[in-house]
């Protein structure tokens, strides 16, 4: 394969990013189990949870957001911290 072909190939890290997802509510065991690779922190206002972690692509982000919705968390915001 030529160098040009390698330069055009997309790798998993092309879409990878560290995200902060803020939720309304309190930390639960189910939340911790669903987000085991992410940092989970109750913010000081006690009604907001902050999830911070690396996700390989937007498909993984959408899967996590759908899971959070399924377990009844309100999503307040999603922000890319580092891409």
PDB file of N, CA and C in Angstrom:
ATOM      1  N   UNK A   1       0.840  -1.186   0.000  1.00  0.00           N
ATOM      2  CA  UNK A   1       0.000   0.000   0.000  1.00  0.00           C
ATOM      3  C   UNK A   1       0.881   1.244   0.000  1.00  0.00           C
ATOM      4  N   UNK A   2       0.422   2.252  -0.664  1.00  0.00           N
ATOM      5  CA  UNK A   2       1.202   3.481  -0.752  1.00  0.00           C
ATOM      6  C   UNK A   2       1.001   4.343   0.488  1.00  0.00           C
ATOM      7  N   UNK A   3       1.943   5.260   0.712  1.00  0.00           N
ATOM      8  CA  UNK A   3       1.827   6.189   1.845  1.00  0.00           C
ATOM      9  C   UNK A   3       0.572   7.047   1.716  1.00  0.00           C
ATOM     10  N   UNK A   4       0.203   7.380   0.486  1.00  0.00           N
ATOM     11  CA  UNK A   4      -0.984   8.201   0.271  1.00  0.00           C
ATOM     12  C   UNK A   4      -2.247   7.501   0.781  1.00  0.00           C
ATOM     13  N   UNK A   5      -2.351   6.194   0.572  1.00  0.00           N
ATOM     14  CA  UNK A   5      -3.515   5.449   1.050  1.00  0.00           C
ATOM     15  C   UNK A   5      -3.574   5.451   2.569  1.00  0.00           C
ATOM     16  N   UNK A   6      -2.418   5.306   3.230  1.00  0.00           N
ATOM     17  CA  UNK A   6      -2.401   5.326   4.684  1.00  0.00           C
ATOM     18  C   UNK A   6      -2.807   6.693   5.213  1.00  0.00           C
ATOM     19  N   UNK A   7      -2.400   7.754   4.547  1.00  0.00           N
ATOM     20  CA  UNK A   7      -2.712   9.112   4.993  1.00  0.00           C
ATOM     21  C   UNK A   7      -4.209   9.378   4.920  1.00  0.00           C
ATOM     22  N   UNK A   8      -4.917   8.721   4.008  1.00  0.00           N
ATOM     23  CA  UNK A   8      -6.335   8.973   3.838  1.00  0.00           C
ATOM     24  C   UNK A   8      -7.204   8.065   4.700  1.00  0.00           C
ATOM     25  N   UNK A   9      -6.619   7.002   5.242  1.00  0.00           N
ATOM     26  CA  UNK A   9      -7.413   6.102   6.071  1.00  0.00           C
ATOM     27  C   UNK A   9      -7.832   6.790   7.353  1.00  0.00           C
ATOM     28  N   UNK A  10      -9.030   6.496   7.776  1.00  0.00           N
ATOM     29  CA  UNK A  10      -9.569   7.077   9.002  1.00  0.00           C
ATOM     30  C   UNK A  10      -9.306   6.102  10.144  1.00  0.00           C
ATOM     31  N   UNK A  11      -8.784   6.599  11.243  1.00  0.00           N
ATOM     32  CA  UNK A  11      -8.549   5.749  12.398  1.00  0.00           C
ATOM     33  C   UNK A  11      -9.577   6.063  13.469  1.00  0.00           C
ATOM     34  N   UNK A  12      -9.684   5.185  14.442  1.00  0.00           N
ATOM     35  CA  UNK A  12     -10.659   5.367  15.522  1.00  0.00           C
ATOM     36  C   UNK A  12     -10.414   6.665  16.281  1.00  0.00           C
ATOM     37  N   UNK A  13      -9.167   7.100  16.362  1.00  0.00           N
ATOM     38  CA  UNK A  13      -8.860   8.308  17.118  1.00  0.00           C
ATOM     39  C   UNK A  13      -9.275   9.590  16.397  1.00  0.00           C
ATOM     40  N   UNK A  14      -9.621   9.504  15.095  1.00  0.00           N
ATOM     41  CA  UNK A  14     -10.049  10.697  14.363  1.00  0.00           C
ATOM     42  C   UNK A  14     -11.308  11.315  14.958  1.00  0.00           C
ATOM     43  N   UNK A  15     -12.211  10.500  15.486  1.00  0.00           N
ATOM     44  CA  UNK A  15     -13.456  11.003  16.060  1.00  0.00           C
ATOM     45  C   UNK A  15     -13.463  10.932  17.578  1.00  0.00           C
ATOM     46  N   UNK A  16     -12.419  10.379  18.160  1.00  0.00           N
ATOM     47  CA  UNK A  16     -12.365  10.201  19.612  1.00  0.00           C
ATOM     48  C   UNK A  16     -12.254  11.554  20.301  1.00  0.00           C
ATOM     49  N   UNK A  17     -12.871  11.640  21.474  1.00  0.00           N
ATOM     50  CA  UNK A  17     -12.815  12.881  22.234  1.00  0.00           C
ATOM     51  C   UNK A  17     -13.117  12.580  23.700  1.00  0.00           C
ATOM     52  N   UNK A  18     -12.726  13.511  24.550  1.00  0.00           N
ATOM     53  CA  UNK A  18     -13.111  13.463  25.955  1.00  0.00           C
ATOM     54  C   UNK A  18     -14.335  14.364  26.092  1.00  0.00           C
ATOM     55  N   UNK A  19     -15.399  13.803  26.651  1.00  0.00           N
ATOM     56  CA  UNK A  19     -16.660  14.525  26.790  1.00  0.00           C
ATOM     57  C   UNK A  19     -16.987  14.780  28.250  1.00  0.00           C
ATOM     58  N   UNK A  20     -17.690  15.876  28.489  1.00  0.00           N
ATOM     59  CA  UNK A  20     -18.332  16.114  29.774  1.00  0.00           C
ATOM     60  C   UNK A  20     -19.829  16.129  29.507  1.00  0.00           C
ATOM     61  N   UNK A  21     -20.526  15.240  30.200  1.00  0.00           N
ATOM     62  CA  UNK A  21     -21.975  15.157  30.090  1.00  0.00           C
ATOM     63  C   UNK A  21     -22.550  15.521  31.451  1.00  0.00           C
ATOM     64  N   UNK A  22     -23.414  16.514  31.481  1.00  0.00           N
ATOM     65  CA  UNK A  22     -24.030  16.940  32.746  1.00  0.00           C
ATOM     66  C   UNK A  22     -25.471  16.462  32.765  1.00  0.00           C
ATOM     67  N   UNK A  23     -25.849  15.859  33.887  1.00  0.00           N
ATOM     68  CA  UNK A  23     -27.177  15.283  34.056  1.00  0.00           C
ATOM     69  C   UNK A  23     -27.876  15.905  35.244  1.00  0.00           C
ATOM     70  N   UNK A  24     -29.185  15.882  35.229  1.00  0.00           N
ATOM     71  CA  UNK A  24     -29.966  16.305  36.385  1.00  0.00           C
ATOM     72  C   UNK A  24     -30.223  15.071  37.238  1.00  0.00           C
ATOM     73  N   UNK A  25     -29.972  15.179  38.533  1.00  0.00           N
ATOM     74  CA  UNK A  25     -30.285  14.076  39.419  1.00  0.00           C
ATOM     75  C   UNK A  25     -29.171  13.750  40.398  1.00  0.00           C
ATOM     76  N   UNK A  26     -29.281  12.569  40.965  1.00  0.00           N
ATOM     77  CA  UNK A  26     -28.313  12.078  41.949  1.00  0.00           C
ATOM     78  C   UNK A  26     -27.666  10.809  41.404  1.00  0.00           C
ATOM     79  N   UNK A  27     -26.442  10.549  41.832  1.00  0.00           N
ATOM     80  CA  UNK A  27     -25.712   9.363  41.410  1.00  0.00           C
ATOM     81  C   UNK A  27     -26.412   8.115  41.947  1.00  0.00           C
ATOM     82  N   UNK A  28     -26.572   7.132  41.070  1.00  0.00           N
ATOM     83  CA  UNK A  28     -27.162   5.848  41.449  1.00  0.00           C
ATOM     84  C   UNK A  28     -26.205   4.721  41.080  1.00  0.00           C
ATOM     85  N   UNK A  29     -26.454   3.553  41.645  1.00  0.00           N
ATOM     86  CA  UNK A  29     -25.650   2.372  41.316  1.00  0.00           C
ATOM     87  C   UNK A  29     -25.771   2.044  39.832  1.00  0.00           C
ATOM     88  N   UNK A  30     -26.970   2.154  39.290  1.00  0.00           N
ATOM     89  CA  UNK A  30     -27.185   1.876  37.864  1.00  0.00           C
ATOM     90  C   UNK A  30     -26.368   2.821  36.998  1.00  0.00           C
ATOM     91  N   UNK A  31     -26.339   4.087  37.360  1.00  0.00           N
ATOM     92  CA  UNK A  31     -25.548   5.062  36.605  1.00  0.00           C
ATOM     93  C   UNK A  31     -24.075   4.687  36.631  1.00  0.00           C
ATOM     94  N   UNK A  32     -23.562   4.344  37.773  1.00  0.00           N
ATOM     95  CA  UNK A  32     -22.150   3.971  37.890  1.00  0.00           C
ATOM     96  C   UNK A  32     -21.850   2.735  37.043  1.00  0.00           C
ATOM     97  N   UNK A  33     -22.742   1.755  37.043  1.00  0.00           N
ATOM     98  CA  UNK A  33     -22.544   0.543  36.248  1.00  0.00           C
ATOM     99  C   UNK A  33     -22.564   0.834  34.753  1.00  0.00           C
ATOM    100  N   UNK A  34     -23.393   1.762  34.328  1.00  0.00           N
ATOM    101  CA  UNK A  34     -23.507   2.088  32.904  1.00  0.00           C
ATOM    102  C   UNK A  34     -22.357   2.959  32.398  1.00  0.00           C
ATOM    103  N   UNK A  35     -21.651   3.604  33.311  1.00  0.00           N
ATOM    104  CA  UNK A  35     -20.589   4.542  32.921  1.00  0.00           C
ATOM    105  C   UNK A  35     -19.266   4.187  33.596  1.00  0.00           C
ATOM    106  N   UNK A  36     -18.975   2.893  33.694  1.00  0.00           N
ATOM    107  CA  UNK A  36     -17.836   2.445  34.498  1.00  0.00           C
ATOM    108  C   UNK A  36     -16.482   2.987  34.043  1.00  0.00           C
ATOM    109  N   UNK A  37     -16.342   3.398  32.799  1.00  0.00           N
ATOM    110  CA  UNK A  37     -15.071   3.953  32.323  1.00  0.00           C
ATOM    111  C   UNK A  37     -15.006   5.474  32.445  1.00  0.00           C
ATOM    112  N   UNK A  38     -16.038   6.081  32.983  1.00  0.00           N
ATOM    113  CA  UNK A  38     -16.083   7.533  33.082  1.00  0.00           C
ATOM    114  C   UNK A  38     -15.975   7.972  34.538  1.00  0.00           C
ATOM    115  N   UNK A  39     -15.481   9.188  34.716  1.00  0.00           N
ATOM    116  CA  UNK A  39     -15.462   9.795  36.049  1.00  0.00           C
ATOM    117  C   UNK A  39     -16.880  10.302  36.325  1.00  0.00           C
ATOM    118  N   UNK A  40     -17.433   9.935  37.477  1.00  0.00           N
ATOM    119  CA  UNK A  40     -18.791  10.347  37.855  1.00  0.00           C
ATOM    120  C   UNK A  40     -18.680  11.195  39.111  1.00  0.00           C
ATOM    121  N   UNK A  41     -19.227  12.403  39.059  1.00  0.00           N
ATOM    122  CA  UNK A  41     -19.093  13.326  40.194  1.00  0.00           C
ATOM    123  C   UNK A  41     -20.396  14.091  40.400  1.00  0.00           C
ATOM    124  N   UNK A  42     -20.823  14.168  41.645  1.00  0.00           N
ATOM    125  CA  UNK A  42     -21.982  14.996  41.989  1.00  0.00           C
ATOM    126  C   UNK A  42     -21.473  16.424  42.126  1.00  0.00           C
ATOM    127  N   UNK A  43     -22.031  17.361  41.378  1.00  0.00           N
ATOM    128  CA  UNK A  43     -21.582  18.747  41.467  1.00  0.00           C
ATOM    129  C   UNK A  43     -22.113  19.377  42.747  1.00  0.00           C
ATOM    130  N   UNK A  44     -21.528  20.492  43.125  1.00  0.00           N
ATOM    131  CA  UNK A  44     -21.818  21.104  44.422  1.00  0.00           C
ATOM    132  C   UNK A  44     -23.265  21.535  44.609  1.00  0.00           C
ATOM    133  N   UNK A  45     -23.976  21.799  43.514  1.00  0.00           N
ATOM    134  CA  UNK A  45     -25.385  22.178  43.666  1.00  0.00           C
ATOM    135  C   UNK A  45     -26.265  20.976  44.004  1.00  0.00           C
ATOM    136  N   UNK A  46     -25.686  19.791  44.030  1.00  0.00           N
ATOM    137  CA  UNK A  46     -26.281  18.503  44.411  1.00  0.00           C
ATOM    138  C   UNK A  46     -27.418  18.015  43.517  1.00  0.00           C
ATOM    139  N   UNK A  47     -27.821  18.774  42.538  1.00  0.00           N
ATOM    140  CA  UNK A  47     -28.836  18.311  41.585  1.00  0.00           C
ATOM    141  C   UNK A  47     -28.233  18.049  40.210  1.00  0.00           C
ATOM    142  N   UNK A  48     -26.920  18.179  40.080  1.00  0.00           N
ATOM    143  CA  UNK A  48     -26.259  17.979  38.801  1.00  0.00           C
ATOM    144  C   UNK A  48     -25.138  16.962  38.954  1.00  0.00           C
ATOM    145  N   UNK A  49     -25.119  16.008  38.024  1.00  0.00           N
ATOM    146  CA  UNK A  49     -24.067  15.001  37.963  1.00  0.00           C
ATOM    147  C   UNK A  49     -23.207  15.334  36.759  1.00  0.00           C
ATOM    148  N   UNK A  50     -21.901  15.203  36.923  1.00  0.00           N
ATOM    149  CA  UNK A  50     -20.963  15.429  35.839  1.00  0.00           C
ATOM    150  C   UNK A  50     -20.278  14.110  35.495  1.00  0.00           C
ATOM    151  N   UNK A  51     -20.378  13.713  34.227  1.00  0.00           N
ATOM    152  CA  UNK A  51     -19.677  12.537  33.718  1.00  0.00           C
ATOM    153  C   UNK A  51     -18.569  13.028  32.808  1.00  0.00           C
ATOM    154  N   UNK A  52     -17.358  12.556  33.013  1.00  0.00           N
ATOM    155  CA  UNK A  52     -16.242  12.947  32.152  1.00  0.00           C
ATOM    156  C   UNK A  52     -15.520  11.687  31.719  1.00  0.00           C
ATOM    157  N   UNK A  53     -15.318  11.559  30.414  1.00  0.00           N
ATOM    158  CA  UNK A  53     -14.605  10.388  29.932  1.00  0.00           C
ATOM    159  C   UNK A  53     -14.393  10.402  28.434  1.00  0.00           C
ATOM    160  N   UNK A  54     -13.534   9.486  28.005  1.00  0.00           N
ATOM    161  CA  UNK A  54     -13.155   9.342  26.603  1.00  0.00           C
ATOM    162  C   UNK A  54     -14.151   8.435  25.902  1.00  0.00           C
ATOM    163  N   UNK A  55     -14.596   8.861  24.728  1.00  0.00           N
ATOM    164  CA  UNK A  55     -15.450   8.029  23.885  1.00  0.00           C
ATOM    165  C   UNK A  55     -14.817   7.953  22.501  1.00  0.00           C
ATOM    166  N   UNK A  56     -14.828   6.770  21.883  1.00  0.00           N
ATOM    167  CA  UNK A  56     -14.102   6.577  20.625  1.00  0.00           C
ATOM    168  C   UNK A  56     -14.708   7.274  19.414  1.00  0.00           C
ATOM    169  N   UNK A  57     -16.024   7.546  19.447  1.00  0.00           N
ATOM    170  CA  UNK A  57     -16.657   8.192  18.293  1.00  0.00           C
ATOM    171  C   UNK A  57     -18.063   8.663  18.675  1.00  0.00           C
ATOM    172  N   UNK A  58     -18.730   9.311  17.728  1.00  0.00           N
ATOM    173  CA  UNK A  58     -20.060   9.841  18.018  1.00  0.00           C
ATOM    174  C   UNK A  58     -21.103   8.742  18.184  1.00  0.00           C
ATOM    175  N   UNK A  59     -20.859   7.600  17.593  1.00  0.00           N
ATOM    176  CA  UNK A  59     -21.768   6.478  17.777  1.00  0.00           C
ATOM    177  C   UNK A  59     -21.764   6.031  19.244  1.00  0.00           C
ATOM    178  N   UNK A  60     -20.595   5.975  19.842  1.00  0.00           N
ATOM    179  CA  UNK A  60     -20.494   5.624  21.267  1.00  0.00           C
ATOM    180  C   UNK A  60     -21.166   6.693  22.125  1.00  0.00           C
ATOM    181  N   UNK A  61     -20.997   7.956  21.745  1.00  0.00           N
ATOM    182  CA  UNK A  61     -21.646   9.049  22.474  1.00  0.00           C
ATOM    183  C   UNK A  61     -23.161   8.900  22.402  1.00  0.00           C
ATOM    184  N   UNK A  62     -23.692   8.647  21.218  1.00  0.00           N
ATOM    185  CA  UNK A  62     -25.136   8.493  21.065  1.00  0.00           C
ATOM    186  C   UNK A  62     -25.648   7.283  21.849  1.00  0.00           C
ATOM    187  N   UNK A  63     -24.884   6.204  21.847  1.00  0.00           N
ATOM    188  CA  UNK A  63     -25.275   5.027  22.621  1.00  0.00           C
ATOM    189  C   UNK A  63     -25.358   5.342  24.103  1.00  0.00           C
ATOM    190  N   UNK A  64     -24.370   6.082  24.614  1.00  0.00           N
ATOM    191  CA  UNK A  64     -24.374   6.461  26.026  1.00  0.00           C
ATOM    192  C   UNK A  64     -25.538   7.398  26.333  1.00  0.00           C
ATOM    193  N   UNK A  65     -25.762   8.378  25.486  1.00  0.00           N
ATOM    194  CA  UNK A  65     -26.881   9.309  25.712  1.00  0.00           C
ATOM    195  C   UNK A  65     -28.222   8.579  25.702  1.00  0.00           C
ATOM    196  N   UNK A  66     -28.390   7.627  24.792  1.00  0.00           N
ATOM    197  CA  UNK A  66     -29.626   6.838  24.761  1.00  0.00           C
ATOM    198  C   UNK A  66     -29.777   5.997  26.028  1.00  0.00           C
ATOM    199  N   UNK A  67     -28.676   5.416  26.504  1.00  0.00           N
ATOM    200  CA  UNK A  67     -28.713   4.634  27.739  1.00  0.00           C
ATOM    201  C   UNK A  67     -29.089   5.514  28.923  1.00  0.00           C
ATOM    202  N   UNK A  68     -28.499   6.703  28.996  1.00  0.00           N
ATOM    203  CA  UNK A  68     -28.831   7.630  30.086  1.00  0.00           C
ATOM    204  C   UNK A  68     -30.307   8.009  30.044  1.00  0.00           C
ATOM    205  N   UNK A  69     -30.829   8.217  28.862  1.00  0.00           N
ATOM    206  CA  UNK A  69     -32.254   8.516  28.717  1.00  0.00           C
ATOM    207  C   UNK A  69     -33.101   7.319  29.165  1.00  0.00           C
ATOM    208  N   UNK A  70     -32.687   6.121  28.757  1.00  0.00           N
ATOM    209  CA  UNK A  70     -33.430   4.907  29.118  1.00  0.00           C
ATOM    210  C   UNK A  70     -33.496   4.682  30.624  1.00  0.00           C
ATOM    211  N   UNK A  71     -32.439   5.093  31.352  1.00  0.00           N
ATOM    212  CA  UNK A  71     -32.462   4.917  32.815  1.00  0.00           C
ATOM    213  C   UNK A  71     -32.957   6.185  33.517  1.00  0.00           C
ATOM    214  N   UNK A  72     -33.617   7.052  32.735  1.00  0.00           N
ATOM    215  CA  UNK A  72     -34.384   8.193  33.247  1.00  0.00           C
ATOM    216  C   UNK A  72     -33.569   9.356  33.805  1.00  0.00           C
ATOM    217  N   UNK A  73     -32.425   9.636  33.177  1.00  0.00           N
ATOM    218  CA  UNK A  73     -31.676  10.836  33.553  1.00  0.00           C
ATOM    219  C   UNK A  73     -31.946  11.922  32.525  1.00  0.00           C
ATOM    220  N   UNK A  74     -32.134  13.137  33.001  1.00  0.00           N
ATOM    221  CA  UNK A  74     -32.290  14.290  32.129  1.00  0.00           C
ATOM    222  C   UNK A  74     -30.905  14.810  31.774  1.00  0.00           C
ATOM    223  N   UNK A  75     -30.629  14.940  30.487  1.00  0.00           N
ATOM    224  CA  UNK A  75     -29.331  15.417  30.021  1.00  0.00           C
ATOM    225  C   UNK A  75     -29.390  16.938  29.947  1.00  0.00           C
ATOM    226  N   UNK A  76     -28.503  17.584  30.724  1.00  0.00           N
ATOM    227  CA  UNK A  76     -28.463  19.051  30.763  1.00  0.00           C
ATOM    228  C   UNK A  76     -27.543  19.619  29.689  1.00  0.00           C
ATOM    229  N   UNK A  77     -26.393  18.960  29.475  1.00  0.00           N
ATOM    230  CA  UNK A  77     -25.467  19.452  28.459  1.00  0.00           C
ATOM    231  C   UNK A  77     -24.457  18.376  28.086  1.00  0.00           C
ATOM    232  N   UNK A  78     -23.901  18.518  26.887  1.00  0.00           N
ATOM    233  CA  UNK A  78     -22.831  17.653  26.394  1.00  0.00           C
ATOM    234  C   UNK A  78     -21.776  18.574  25.808  1.00  0.00           C
ATOM    235  N   UNK A  79     -20.532  18.392  26.235  1.00  0.00           N
ATOM    236  CA  UNK A  79     -19.460  19.271  25.788  1.00  0.00           C
ATOM    237  C   UNK A  79     -18.213  18.455  25.498  1.00  0.00           C
ATOM    238  N   UNK A  80     -17.549  18.767  24.396  1.00  0.00           N
ATOM    239  CA  UNK A  80     -16.250  18.161  24.107  1.00  0.00           C
ATOM    240  C   UNK A  80     -15.203  18.936  24.899  1.00  0.00           C
ATOM    241  N   UNK A  81     -14.437  18.211  25.708  1.00  0.00           N
ATOM    242  CA  UNK A  81     -13.378  18.841  26.490  1.00  0.00           C
ATOM    243  C   UNK A  81     -12.058  18.825  25.739  1.00  0.00           C
ATOM    244  N   UNK A  82     -11.777  17.701  25.087  1.00  0.00           N
ATOM    245  CA  UNK A  82     -10.511  17.556  24.386  1.00  0.00           C
ATOM    246  C   UNK A  82     -10.735  16.606  23.214  1.00  0.00           C
ATOM    247  N   UNK A  83     -10.334  17.043  22.036  1.00  0.00           N
ATOM    248  CA  UNK A  83     -10.539  16.211  20.857  1.00  0.00           C
ATOM    249  C   UNK A  83      -9.242  15.790  20.270  1.00  0.00           C
TER     250      UNK A  83
END
